[in-house]
Amino acid sequence: MPVDPITVEIIRCALKAAANEMSAVLKKTAYNMMIYEVQDYCVAIVDHEGRTMSQNEGALPIFLADLGVAVQDGIEVYGKENIHPGDVFLVNHPEICGQHLNNMAVYTPFFWDDKLLCFLAVRAHWIDVGGGSTGFGSSMTRDVYEEGLQIRSVKIYNQGRANTEVLRLIEDNIRFPESSLGDLRAQIACCRTGEERLEQVCRKYGGAVFVEAVETIWHQTDKLVRESVRAIPDGVYEASSFLDDDGRDFTKTIPIKVKVEVRGDELIIDFSEVADQVPGFINCGSSGGMAAARVAFKALTSPQREVNEGSFRALKVILPPGKLLSARRPAPIGGWSLSLPTVLDTIFRALAPALPERIPAAHKGDMGGYAIFGANAKTGRRYVCQNIIGGGWGGRPFEDGASSAVSMCQGDVKNTPIELQELYYPLLYECHALRMDSGGAGKFRGGTGVEVKVRPLEEFYLSRNTDRIKCPPWGFLGGGEAQTNRTLIRRNGKEEELPGKFSRVPVHPGETVTILTAGGGGYGDPAKREPAAVSRDVALGYISKEKAFAEYRFACE
């Protein structure tokens, strides 16, 4: 007999509540700011076949429904008969997860009536995993072996007993074991919380009803998603763009070409003509490429609904191996996510003719992070200061683009408050403000980027990896391009501009670093912008009087 609708809804809400409570536990117990402030993590409940039952709200979009591959790998390595209550698995292997090695996934099995029903899983960004992984991936690495520890579904707890040898091996090979192993314990606590909540559900309804309700939820979600796909006109749509470089050869751009086919209630995204994998560190594994397709598909079909297996049954992805988005080992992947915002912009660019009332101009097109690291003279300890900074989103068919927002790939992540960074690290921030004139002009203006200026109180090293400097965020229907990312260092009274991708640049006291993020492209003819809107932009400091006149022919008094 099918599960009654009321029970289905109760279990649907219980799954969402469990994932969100797991998220809350992780944030409250994690050690590093990338987790408890920035929220660079995701939490999911997946079945024994790796299908997503639920995912926490506010997770990074590029982590959409991608923890299942980690679970599938553990089953392949150990076999279901060798997985027991109390086991804890750890994995970041590039051929499985397809991401930089800092993104460590932990998962634990959930049993009911001695039957393996599902897994609780969490991926979180560790500040270091050895090699060139300090903060983020280094642009100087030549293969994945230089990027840190690679762990493939290792049991760090076996039936509740810690595998002390493996934990000691990890501790001895990372620079900040207190932080990273503290985050590991937080991830385990997160999974244990999920186990407790699922026990409550199964105690009330039983394992069979629980599984049947989940199947029903998947079917319902799939039905709603397919209705959204049918609303897109059938056809084949294509678009191209490019990345600036691979971080090693700054003379060659990296082509991004996508094809989107809409056929009834299915949507196919074809990455066959994306560039092959490159020598530099901007590659990602196939699960990373799949994530980009899922983000675009979710935004188009069900942006407000929960995430589960049914969210993506109508999506087909063509991704041959050996591409930039499906690199094979030992390609370096430390900058795995750098290409994904541009891939998303290009997918939407392809669909603009089919959905002109929905597709915005291009957004800032990069992940917008930086890492500062050094040794604190007062404490004698090394530190890593990481942060995410936003930029502009493209103007939309009905309103201006958002300002100072992270990329579409980053969803609800937040920047770390500069007050906390000054409190914890020997840094002084002179400026953290919106970047005037960075958004593209249009009937609906592109959002503005951000300007951050930091001065070292003690010598530090700076790493930043950006893109879309040679390929600025484009406008639509007559809208203008946005300003691009820049990084400036002022030394000895002179200002020096750094390339888009660099690692371990020394900065000394008396020098300053200015980080400028890109704006969003404009939408529509600037001549059609309302004069009152231009006047307001000038008053708020979004655009200068000079730009108001040059772009909009608006003379300010």
Protein backbone atom coordinates (compact mmCIF):
# COMPACT_ATOMS: atom_id res chain seq x y z
CA MET A 1 0.00 0.00 0.00
CA PRO A 2 1.30 3.50 -0.79
CA VAL A 3 2.20 5.77 2.10
CA ASP A 4 -0.55 8.27 2.90
CA PRO A 5 0.11 11.88 1.86
CA ILE A 6 0.22 13.25 5.39
CA THR A 7 2.94 10.81 6.42
CA VAL A 8 4.90 11.67 3.27
CA GLU A 9 4.82 15.36 4.17
CA ILE A 10 5.84 14.68 7.76
CA ILE A 11 8.83 12.63 6.60
CA ARG A 12 9.70 15.24 3.95
CA CYS A 13 9.83 17.94 6.63
CA ALA A 14 11.68 15.64 9.05
CA LEU A 15 14.40 15.02 6.47
CA LYS A 16 14.82 18.74 5.81
CA ALA A 17 14.86 19.48 9.53
CA ALA A 18 17.46 16.76 10.13
CA ALA A 19 19.77 18.13 7.43
CA ASN A 20 19.40 21.68 8.74
CA GLU A 21 20.07 20.60 12.32
CA MET A 22 23.17 18.75 11.15
CA SER A 23 24.27 22.00 9.51
CA ALA A 24 23.71 23.94 12.74
CA VAL A 25 25.78 21.45 14.75
CA LEU A 26 28.63 21.69 12.25
CA LYS A 27 28.70 25.50 12.37
CA LYS A 28 28.66 25.58 16.17
CA THR A 29 31.48 23.07 16.63
CA ALA A 30 33.84 23.72 13.69
CA TYR A 31 37.24 25.27 14.24
CA ASN A 32 37.88 27.33 11.12
CA MET A 33 36.10 30.41 9.79
CA MET A 34 35.57 28.91 6.34
CA ILE A 35 33.01 26.64 8.00
CA TYR A 36 31.45 28.58 10.87
CA GLU A 37 31.49 32.03 9.20
CA VAL A 38 31.76 31.57 5.43
CA GLN A 39 29.72 28.31 5.48
CA ASP A 40 31.83 26.53 2.88
CA TYR A 41 30.25 23.12 3.43
CA CYS A 42 27.25 20.98 2.62
CA VAL A 43 25.25 18.35 4.49
CA ALA A 44 23.16 15.58 2.95
CA ILE A 45 21.30 12.38 3.64
CA VAL A 46 21.86 9.84 0.85
CA ASP A 47 20.67 6.27 0.36
CA HIS A 48 22.92 3.24 -0.06
CA GLU A 49 22.95 3.80 -3.84
CA GLY A 50 24.17 7.38 -3.43
CA ARG A 51 20.82 9.01 -4.22
CA THR A 52 20.13 12.24 -2.33
CA MET A 53 17.24 12.11 0.15
CA SER A 54 17.71 15.62 1.49
CA GLN A 55 20.27 18.43 1.67
CA ASN A 56 20.61 21.34 4.04
CA GLU A 57 19.34 24.77 3.09
CA GLY A 58 22.08 27.26 2.35
CA ALA A 59 24.55 24.71 1.00
CA LEU A 60 26.93 25.73 -1.76
CA PRO A 61 25.21 25.18 -5.11
CA ILE A 62 28.35 23.51 -6.51
CA PHE A 63 27.82 20.81 -3.87
CA LEU A 64 24.35 20.02 -5.21
CA ALA A 65 23.58 16.32 -4.83
CA ASP A 66 27.25 15.34 -5.18
CA LEU A 67 27.93 13.54 -1.89
CA GLY A 68 26.41 10.36 -3.29
CA VAL A 69 29.59 9.60 -5.26
CA ALA A 70 31.56 9.46 -2.00
CA VAL A 71 29.11 6.97 -0.51
CA GLN A 72 29.11 4.85 -3.67
CA ASP A 73 32.89 4.70 -3.50
CA GLY A 74 32.84 3.48 0.10
CA ILE A 75 30.45 0.68 -0.84
CA GLU A 76 32.68 -0.24 -3.79
CA VAL A 77 35.80 -0.30 -1.62
CA TYR A 78 34.39 -2.19 1.38
CA GLY A 79 31.19 -3.88 0.21
CA LYS A 80 27.92 -3.38 2.10
CA GLU A 81 28.60 -6.49 4.19
CA ASN A 82 31.68 -4.78 5.71
CA ILE A 83 29.94 -1.56 6.67
CA HIS A 84 28.72 -1.49 10.28
CA PRO A 85 27.12 0.86 12.81
CA GLY A 86 29.75 3.17 14.29
CA ASP A 87 31.85 3.33 11.11
CA VAL A 88 33.09 6.73 9.96
CA PHE A 89 34.53 7.22 6.47
CA LEU A 90 36.78 10.03 5.21
CA VAL A 91 37.32 10.87 1.53
CA ASN A 92 38.66 13.68 -0.65
CA HIS A 93 40.08 11.62 -3.52
CA PRO A 94 40.10 13.62 -6.78
CA GLU A 95 38.86 10.74 -8.94
CA ILE A 96 35.85 10.38 -6.63
CA CYS A 97 35.02 13.90 -5.48
CA GLY A 98 36.53 15.87 -8.36
CA GLN A 99 37.34 18.87 -6.13
CA HIS A 100 40.35 20.42 -4.48
CA LEU A 101 41.69 18.30 -1.67
CA ASN A 102 40.71 20.80 1.04
CA ASN A 103 37.07 19.69 0.62
CA MET A 104 36.98 16.72 2.99
CA ALA A 105 33.85 14.53 3.05
CA VAL A 106 32.83 12.49 6.10
CA TYR A 107 29.96 10.00 6.06
CA THR A 108 28.46 7.46 8.44
CA PRO A 109 25.98 4.63 7.82
CA PHE A 110 22.46 4.49 9.28
CA PHE A 111 20.95 1.09 10.08
CA TRP A 112 17.42 0.16 11.06
CA ASP A 113 16.40 -3.38 12.03
CA ASP A 114 19.93 -4.45 11.06
CA LYS A 115 19.42 -3.15 7.51
CA LEU A 116 21.55 -0.43 5.91
CA LEU A 117 19.05 2.29 4.96
CA CYS A 118 21.18 5.34 4.15
CA PHE A 119 24.17 7.48 5.04
CA LEU A 120 24.67 10.85 6.75
CA ALA A 121 27.29 12.87 4.87
CA VAL A 122 29.02 16.22 5.19
CA ARG A 123 31.68 17.96 3.12
CA ALA A 124 33.61 20.87 4.65
CA HIS A 125 36.60 23.00 3.67
CA TRP A 126 39.70 22.31 5.78
CA ILE A 127 42.27 25.11 5.85
CA ASP A 128 45.10 22.70 5.03
CA VAL A 129 45.63 19.11 3.90
CA GLY A 130 49.38 19.29 3.28
CA GLY A 131 51.20 19.94 0.01
CA GLY A 132 50.27 23.22 -1.66
CA SER A 133 46.82 23.39 -0.09
CA THR A 134 47.30 26.19 2.45
CA GLY A 135 44.05 28.15 2.41
CA PHE A 136 43.04 27.21 -1.14
CA GLY A 137 44.79 25.38 -3.94
CA SER A 138 48.10 26.79 -5.13
CA SER A 139 48.47 27.92 -8.73
CA MET A 140 52.07 26.66 -8.68
CA THR A 141 51.29 22.94 -8.42
CA ARG A 142 52.11 20.72 -11.39
CA ASP A 143 50.10 17.64 -10.45
CA VAL A 144 47.64 16.52 -7.79
CA TYR A 145 50.39 14.83 -5.76
CA GLU A 146 51.79 18.28 -4.92
CA GLU A 147 48.41 19.46 -3.66
CA GLY A 148 48.12 17.44 -0.46
CA LEU A 149 46.87 14.21 1.07
CA GLN A 150 44.55 12.09 -1.09
CA ILE A 151 42.23 9.90 0.93
CA ARG A 152 39.88 7.38 -0.63
CA SER A 153 37.02 6.27 1.66
CA VAL A 154 39.21 5.31 4.60
CA LYS A 155 37.53 4.12 7.79
CA ILE A 156 38.77 6.48 10.46
CA TYR A 157 36.39 4.83 12.93
CA ASN A 158 35.61 1.11 12.72
CA GLN A 159 32.47 0.15 14.67
CA GLY A 160 33.05 3.06 17.02
CA ARG A 161 36.79 2.51 17.52
CA ALA A 162 39.16 5.20 16.26
CA ASN A 163 41.76 4.22 13.67
CA THR A 164 44.54 5.99 15.53
CA GLU A 165 47.22 5.09 12.97
CA VAL A 166 45.38 6.84 10.14
CA LEU A 167 44.50 9.83 12.30
CA ARG A 168 48.13 10.16 13.33
CA LEU A 169 49.23 9.95 9.70
CA ILE A 170 46.88 12.82 8.83
CA GLU A 171 48.00 14.86 11.84
CA ASP A 172 51.67 14.51 10.90
CA ASN A 173 51.17 15.64 7.31
CA ILE A 174 49.11 18.83 7.65
CA ARG A 175 50.19 22.26 8.85
CA PHE A 176 47.25 23.00 11.13
CA PRO A 177 46.22 19.68 12.74
CA GLU A 178 44.38 21.33 15.62
CA SER A 179 42.07 23.13 13.22
CA SER A 180 41.58 20.36 10.67
CA LEU A 181 41.12 17.53 13.16
CA GLY A 182 38.78 19.78 15.14
CA ASP A 183 36.74 20.23 11.97
CA LEU A 184 36.79 16.45 11.51
CA ARG A 185 35.27 15.97 14.96
CA ALA A 186 32.65 18.59 14.11
CA GLN A 187 31.78 16.69 10.94
CA ILE A 188 31.38 13.45 12.89
CA ALA A 189 29.14 15.21 15.43
CA CYS A 190 27.10 16.53 12.52
CA CYS A 191 26.57 12.99 11.20
CA ARG A 192 25.70 11.62 14.64
CA THR A 193 23.00 14.27 14.96
CA GLY A 194 21.48 13.09 11.69
CA GLU A 195 21.52 9.49 12.89
CA GLU A 196 19.57 10.47 16.00
CA ARG A 197 16.91 12.27 13.98
CA LEU A 198 16.47 9.37 11.56
CA GLU A 199 16.12 6.99 14.49
CA GLN A 200 13.21 9.06 15.73
CA VAL A 201 11.51 8.90 12.32
CA CYS A 202 12.02 5.16 11.89
CA ARG A 203 10.96 4.44 15.47
CA LYS A 204 7.64 6.13 14.74
CA TYR A 205 6.95 4.94 11.19
CA GLY A 206 9.28 1.99 10.55
CA GLY A 207 12.01 1.58 7.99
CA ALA A 208 9.75 0.37 5.17
CA VAL A 209 7.43 3.39 5.43
CA PHE A 210 10.44 5.70 5.59
CA VAL A 211 11.92 4.28 2.37
CA GLU A 212 8.55 4.31 0.57
CA ALA A 213 7.94 7.93 1.58
CA VAL A 214 11.33 8.95 0.19
CA GLU A 215 10.54 7.26 -3.13
CA THR A 216 7.27 9.18 -3.24
CA ILE A 217 9.04 12.47 -2.53
CA TRP A 218 11.48 11.81 -5.38
CA HIS A 219 8.61 11.08 -7.77
CA GLN A 220 6.72 14.23 -6.76
CA THR A 221 9.79 16.42 -7.18
CA ASP A 222 10.60 14.90 -10.56
CA LYS A 223 7.05 15.56 -11.77
CA LEU A 224 7.21 19.26 -10.81
CA VAL A 225 10.66 19.68 -12.37
CA ARG A 226 9.54 18.16 -15.66
CA GLU A 227 6.65 20.60 -15.79
CA SER A 228 9.21 23.42 -15.60
CA VAL A 229 11.32 21.90 -18.38
CA ARG A 230 8.25 21.65 -20.65
CA ALA A 231 7.83 25.41 -20.31
CA ILE A 232 11.18 25.95 -22.10
CA PRO A 233 10.81 25.92 -25.91
CA ASP A 234 12.25 22.81 -27.53
CA GLY A 235 15.45 23.37 -29.46
CA VAL A 236 19.23 23.25 -29.47
CA TYR A 237 20.99 26.28 -28.01
CA GLU A 238 24.73 27.02 -28.02
CA ALA A 239 27.09 29.63 -26.61
CA SER A 240 30.81 30.18 -26.12
CA SER A 241 33.12 32.11 -23.80
CA PHE A 242 36.59 31.54 -22.42
CA LEU A 243 38.80 31.58 -19.35
CA ASP A 244 41.83 33.85 -19.12
CA ASP A 245 44.47 31.13 -18.64
CA ASP A 246 45.27 27.98 -16.68
CA GLY A 247 47.49 29.69 -14.10
CA ARG A 248 50.73 28.53 -15.74
CA ASP A 249 50.65 29.69 -19.35
CA PHE A 250 49.26 33.23 -19.30
CA THR A 251 49.31 33.52 -23.10
CA LYS A 252 46.60 30.97 -23.88
CA THR A 253 42.90 31.35 -23.20
CA ILE A 254 40.77 28.30 -22.37
CA PRO A 255 37.64 27.91 -24.55
CA ILE A 256 34.28 27.16 -22.95
CA LYS A 257 31.59 26.01 -25.39
CA VAL A 258 28.32 24.46 -24.29
CA LYS A 259 25.29 23.06 -26.06
CA VAL A 260 21.89 22.85 -24.39
CA GLU A 261 19.11 20.76 -25.91
CA VAL A 262 15.53 20.90 -24.67
CA ARG A 263 13.45 17.92 -25.71
CA GLY A 264 10.00 17.70 -24.15
CA ASP A 265 10.45 17.20 -20.42
CA GLU A 266 14.20 16.56 -20.60
CA LEU A 267 17.10 18.99 -20.75
CA ILE A 268 20.52 17.90 -22.02
CA ILE A 269 23.71 19.86 -21.30
CA ASP A 270 26.59 18.87 -23.57
CA PHE A 271 30.16 19.72 -22.54
CA SER A 272 31.80 17.81 -25.40
CA GLU A 273 33.37 20.97 -26.87
CA VAL A 274 34.74 22.37 -23.60
CA ALA A 275 38.56 22.54 -23.61
CA ASP A 276 40.58 19.47 -22.77
CA GLN A 277 42.25 19.26 -19.36
CA VAL A 278 45.14 21.68 -18.97
CA PRO A 279 48.59 21.60 -17.31
CA GLY A 280 47.54 24.26 -14.80
CA PHE A 281 45.54 23.83 -11.60
CA ILE A 282 42.08 24.90 -12.86
CA ASN A 283 40.89 21.39 -13.79
CA CYS A 284 38.14 19.60 -11.93
CA GLY A 285 36.91 16.01 -11.86
CA SER A 286 33.71 14.86 -13.51
CA SER A 287 31.61 15.36 -10.37
CA GLY A 288 32.67 19.02 -10.43
CA GLY A 289 31.53 19.36 -14.03
CA MET A 290 28.26 17.64 -13.19
CA ALA A 291 27.77 20.11 -10.33
CA ALA A 292 27.93 23.07 -12.74
CA ALA A 293 25.21 21.50 -14.89
CA ARG A 294 23.05 20.84 -11.81
CA VAL A 295 23.35 24.43 -10.59
CA ALA A 296 22.13 25.80 -13.91
CA PHE A 297 19.35 23.22 -14.14
CA LYS A 298 18.16 23.81 -10.57
CA ALA A 299 18.10 27.58 -11.08
CA LEU A 300 15.99 27.16 -14.21
CA THR A 301 13.53 24.55 -12.96
CA SER A 302 13.08 24.58 -9.18
CA PRO A 303 15.13 27.25 -7.41
CA GLN A 304 12.85 27.43 -4.35
CA ARG A 305 12.24 23.71 -3.81
CA GLU A 306 14.23 21.28 -1.69
CA VAL A 307 17.10 19.24 -3.13
CA ASN A 308 16.69 15.51 -3.61
CA GLU A 309 17.22 12.83 -6.24
CA GLY A 310 14.05 13.86 -8.07
CA SER A 311 15.47 17.34 -8.67
CA PHE A 312 17.78 16.05 -11.42
CA ARG A 313 16.14 13.06 -13.08
CA ALA A 314 15.10 15.24 -16.03
CA LEU A 315 18.70 16.42 -16.56
CA LYS A 316 21.12 14.59 -18.81
CA VAL A 317 24.78 15.63 -18.95
CA ILE A 318 27.25 14.72 -21.70
CA LEU A 319 30.77 15.03 -20.30
CA PRO A 320 33.53 13.00 -21.99
CA PRO A 321 36.54 12.13 -19.83
CA GLY A 322 39.73 14.14 -20.10
CA LYS A 323 38.03 17.54 -20.36
CA LEU A 324 38.65 20.61 -18.22
CA LEU A 325 35.50 19.60 -16.33
CA SER A 326 36.34 15.88 -16.19
CA ALA A 327 40.10 15.81 -15.80
CA ARG A 328 41.94 12.56 -15.25
CA ARG A 329 44.52 12.00 -12.58
CA PRO A 330 47.19 13.25 -11.99
CA ALA A 331 45.99 16.63 -13.35
CA PRO A 332 46.21 19.36 -10.68
CA ILE A 333 42.78 20.44 -9.39
CA GLY A 334 43.57 22.97 -6.66
CA GLY A 335 41.59 25.66 -8.51
CA TRP A 336 38.80 23.24 -9.42
CA SER A 337 35.96 25.74 -9.05
CA LEU A 338 37.48 28.69 -10.94
CA SER A 339 35.88 27.75 -14.25
CA LEU A 340 32.41 26.96 -12.92
CA PRO A 341 30.92 30.51 -12.71
CA THR A 342 31.90 31.09 -16.34
CA VAL A 343 30.42 27.73 -17.33
CA LEU A 344 27.13 28.78 -15.68
CA ASP A 345 27.12 32.18 -17.37
CA THR A 346 27.70 30.43 -20.70
CA ILE A 347 24.84 27.97 -20.16
CA PHE A 348 22.49 30.86 -19.43
CA ARG A 349 23.86 32.78 -22.41
CA ALA A 350 22.94 29.82 -24.62
CA LEU A 351 19.38 29.80 -23.28
CA ALA A 352 18.84 33.56 -23.55
CA PRO A 353 17.06 33.33 -26.96
CA ALA A 354 14.62 30.77 -25.50
CA LEU A 355 14.06 32.57 -22.18
CA PRO A 356 14.65 36.30 -22.78
CA GLU A 357 12.31 37.21 -19.92
CA ARG A 358 14.35 35.17 -17.41
CA ILE A 359 18.05 35.23 -18.31
CA PRO A 360 20.22 38.01 -16.77
CA ALA A 361 23.44 39.51 -18.07
CA ALA A 362 26.69 37.86 -16.96
CA HIS A 363 27.79 38.12 -13.34
CA LYS A 364 31.23 38.61 -11.83
CA GLY A 365 32.27 35.18 -13.03
CA ASP A 366 34.77 34.10 -10.39
CA MET A 367 34.80 32.54 -6.92
CA GLY A 368 36.22 35.66 -5.26
CA GLY A 369 38.42 34.28 -2.50
CA TYR A 370 41.83 35.12 -1.11
CA ALA A 371 44.19 33.63 1.47
CA ILE A 372 46.65 35.46 3.70
CA PHE A 373 49.06 33.40 5.74
CA GLY A 374 52.10 33.91 7.88
CA ALA A 375 53.36 33.65 11.46
CA ASN A 376 51.97 35.77 14.29
CA ALA A 377 54.88 37.30 16.23
CA LYS A 378 52.76 37.72 19.40
CA THR A 379 51.67 34.09 19.62
CA GLY A 380 54.51 32.45 17.74
CA ARG A 381 51.97 30.42 15.78
CA ARG A 382 51.31 30.18 12.06
CA TYR A 383 47.94 31.33 10.79
CA VAL A 384 45.77 31.25 7.67
CA CYS A 385 43.24 34.01 7.03
CA GLN A 386 40.76 33.07 4.31
CA ASN A 387 37.83 35.05 3.02
CA ILE A 388 35.25 35.17 0.27
CA ILE A 389 34.38 38.53 -1.25
CA GLY A 390 31.45 39.20 -3.52
CA GLY A 391 30.99 41.16 -6.72
CA GLY A 392 28.24 42.26 -9.07
CA TRP A 393 25.52 40.18 -10.67
CA GLY A 394 24.18 40.99 -14.10
CA GLY A 395 21.24 43.28 -14.70
CA ARG A 396 17.97 41.37 -15.13
CA PRO A 397 15.02 41.78 -17.45
CA PHE A 398 13.12 43.55 -14.67
CA GLU A 399 15.63 45.03 -12.18
CA ASP A 400 19.25 45.91 -11.46
CA GLY A 401 21.75 43.21 -10.60
CA ALA A 402 22.70 42.51 -7.01
CA SER A 403 25.83 44.15 -5.62
CA SER A 404 28.56 42.61 -3.49
CA ALA A 405 27.12 39.11 -3.92
CA VAL A 406 29.07 35.88 -4.19
CA SER A 407 28.92 33.90 -7.42
CA MET A 408 26.03 31.67 -8.44
CA CYS A 409 28.24 28.72 -7.54
CA GLN A 410 28.58 29.88 -3.93
CA GLY A 411 24.94 30.46 -3.03
CA ASP A 412 24.56 31.59 0.56
CA VAL A 413 28.20 31.66 1.66
CA LYS A 414 29.21 34.77 3.55
CA ASN A 415 32.34 36.83 3.91
CA THR A 416 34.21 36.75 7.19
CA PRO A 417 33.75 40.09 9.00
CA ILE A 418 36.90 42.19 8.78
CA GLU A 419 36.58 42.91 12.51
CA LEU A 420 37.15 39.21 13.23
CA GLN A 421 40.10 39.06 10.88
CA GLU A 422 41.72 42.07 12.57
CA LEU A 423 41.04 40.48 15.96
CA TYR A 424 42.60 37.12 15.11
CA TYR A 425 45.39 38.09 12.71
CA PRO A 426 48.06 40.84 12.43
CA LEU A 427 46.14 42.72 9.72
CA LEU A 428 44.65 46.18 9.34
CA TYR A 429 41.82 46.74 6.87
CA GLU A 430 41.74 50.29 5.54
CA CYS A 431 38.76 49.83 3.23
CA HIS A 432 35.89 47.41 2.60
CA ALA A 433 33.40 49.15 0.32
CA LEU A 434 31.38 48.94 -2.87
CA ARG A 435 33.49 49.58 -5.97
CA MET A 436 32.19 52.65 -7.79
CA ASP A 437 31.58 52.36 -11.57
CA SER A 438 32.21 48.61 -11.64
CA GLY A 439 28.74 47.56 -12.85
CA GLY A 440 27.86 47.58 -16.54
CA ALA A 441 25.52 50.30 -17.80
CA GLY A 442 22.04 49.37 -18.97
CA LYS A 443 18.33 49.96 -18.64
CA PHE A 444 18.91 47.76 -15.62
CA ARG A 445 22.39 48.35 -14.25
CA GLY A 446 24.80 45.56 -13.35
CA GLY A 447 25.60 45.16 -9.67
CA THR A 448 28.78 46.66 -8.24
CA GLY A 449 31.89 44.86 -7.12
CA VAL A 450 33.82 45.34 -3.90
CA GLU A 451 37.03 47.14 -2.96
CA VAL A 452 39.11 45.74 -0.09
CA LYS A 453 42.37 47.32 1.06
CA VAL A 454 44.52 45.55 3.66
CA ARG A 455 47.78 46.54 5.31
CA PRO A 456 50.05 43.99 7.08
CA LEU A 457 51.15 44.66 10.63
CA GLU A 458 53.70 41.88 10.08
CA GLU A 459 54.95 40.30 6.87
CA PHE A 460 52.49 37.89 5.27
CA TYR A 461 52.01 35.93 2.06
CA LEU A 462 49.05 36.49 -0.23
CA SER A 463 47.34 34.11 -2.67
CA ARG A 464 44.44 35.00 -4.94
CA ASN A 465 42.98 33.15 -7.90
CA THR A 466 40.54 34.94 -10.21
CA ASP A 467 39.43 34.86 -13.83
CA ARG A 468 37.33 36.69 -16.41
CA ILE A 469 39.76 39.60 -16.75
CA LYS A 470 40.14 39.09 -20.50
CA CYS A 471 36.49 38.05 -20.80
CA PRO A 472 34.59 40.73 -18.85
CA PRO A 473 31.05 40.08 -17.56
CA TRP A 474 29.00 40.75 -20.67
CA GLY A 475 25.79 42.69 -21.06
CA PHE A 476 22.58 41.66 -22.81
CA LEU A 477 20.40 43.52 -25.32
CA GLY A 478 22.62 46.59 -25.49
CA GLY A 479 23.85 46.53 -21.88
CA GLY A 480 27.50 47.35 -21.22
CA GLU A 481 30.34 45.20 -19.93
CA ALA A 482 31.37 45.35 -16.29
CA GLN A 483 34.75 46.17 -14.79
CA THR A 484 36.91 43.11 -14.11
CA ASN A 485 38.87 41.76 -11.14
CA ARG A 486 42.15 43.42 -10.18
CA THR A 487 44.78 43.00 -7.45
CA LEU A 488 47.13 45.92 -6.73
CA ILE A 489 50.13 46.18 -4.41
CA ARG A 490 51.56 49.56 -3.45
CA ARG A 491 55.30 49.37 -2.75
CA ASN A 492 57.85 52.15 -2.41
CA GLY A 493 55.31 54.70 -3.55
CA LYS A 494 54.49 52.76 -6.73
CA GLU A 495 51.46 50.64 -7.56
CA GLU A 496 52.02 47.21 -9.10
CA GLU A 497 49.27 45.07 -10.67
CA LEU A 498 49.38 41.32 -10.12
CA PRO A 499 48.08 38.67 -12.54
CA GLY A 500 44.71 37.05 -11.98
CA LYS A 501 46.20 33.91 -10.45
CA PHE A 502 49.12 33.98 -8.04
CA SER A 503 50.34 32.23 -4.90
CA ARG A 504 52.59 33.17 -1.98
CA VAL A 505 53.35 36.78 -2.91
CA PRO A 506 55.17 38.39 0.07
CA VAL A 507 53.72 41.62 1.46
CA HIS A 508 55.66 43.67 4.01
CA PRO A 509 54.67 46.27 6.63
CA GLY A 510 54.25 49.66 4.99
CA GLU A 511 52.85 48.12 1.82
CA THR A 512 49.16 47.80 1.00
CA VAL A 513 47.13 45.34 -1.05
CA THR A 514 43.97 46.44 -2.85
CA ILE A 515 41.58 43.74 -4.04
CA LEU A 516 38.95 44.81 -6.57
CA THR A 517 36.17 42.46 -7.62
CA ALA A 518 34.22 42.53 -10.87
CA GLY A 519 30.77 43.99 -11.38
CA GLY A 520 27.88 42.54 -13.36
CA GLY A 521 26.96 43.24 -16.96
CA GLY A 522 24.17 45.66 -17.82
CA TYR A 523 20.80 44.65 -19.27
CA GLY A 524 19.14 46.67 -22.03
CA ASP A 525 19.90 50.00 -23.67
CA PRO A 526 21.37 52.48 -21.14
CA ALA A 527 19.44 55.28 -22.86
CA LYS A 528 16.22 53.71 -21.56
CA ARG A 529 17.23 53.88 -17.90
CA GLU A 530 15.00 56.11 -15.81
CA PRO A 531 16.74 59.43 -14.93
CA ALA A 532 15.60 59.03 -11.32
CA ALA A 533 17.43 55.69 -11.13
CA VAL A 534 20.65 57.28 -12.46
CA SER A 535 20.33 60.11 -9.95
CA ARG A 536 19.87 57.61 -7.14
CA ASP A 537 22.93 55.61 -8.29
CA VAL A 538 25.08 58.75 -8.13
CA ALA A 539 23.74 59.71 -4.71
CA LEU A 540 24.48 56.24 -3.33
CA GLY A 541 27.96 56.09 -4.82
CA TYR A 542 27.26 53.23 -7.24
CA ILE A 543 28.36 55.34 -10.22
CA SER A 544 30.30 58.57 -10.56
CA LYS A 545 28.97 61.79 -12.06
CA GLU A 546 31.34 61.27 -14.97
CA LYS A 547 29.94 57.83 -15.75
CA ALA A 548 26.39 59.09 -15.34
CA PHE A 549 27.02 61.54 -18.15
CA ALA A 550 29.18 59.28 -20.34
CA GLU A 551 26.94 56.20 -20.19
CA TYR A 552 23.48 57.69 -19.60
CA ARG A 553 23.84 61.28 -20.83
CA PHE A 554 22.69 62.35 -17.40
CA ALA A 555 24.16 65.64 -16.19
CA CYS A 556 24.42 65.94 -12.41
CA GLU A 557 24.37 69.34 -10.75
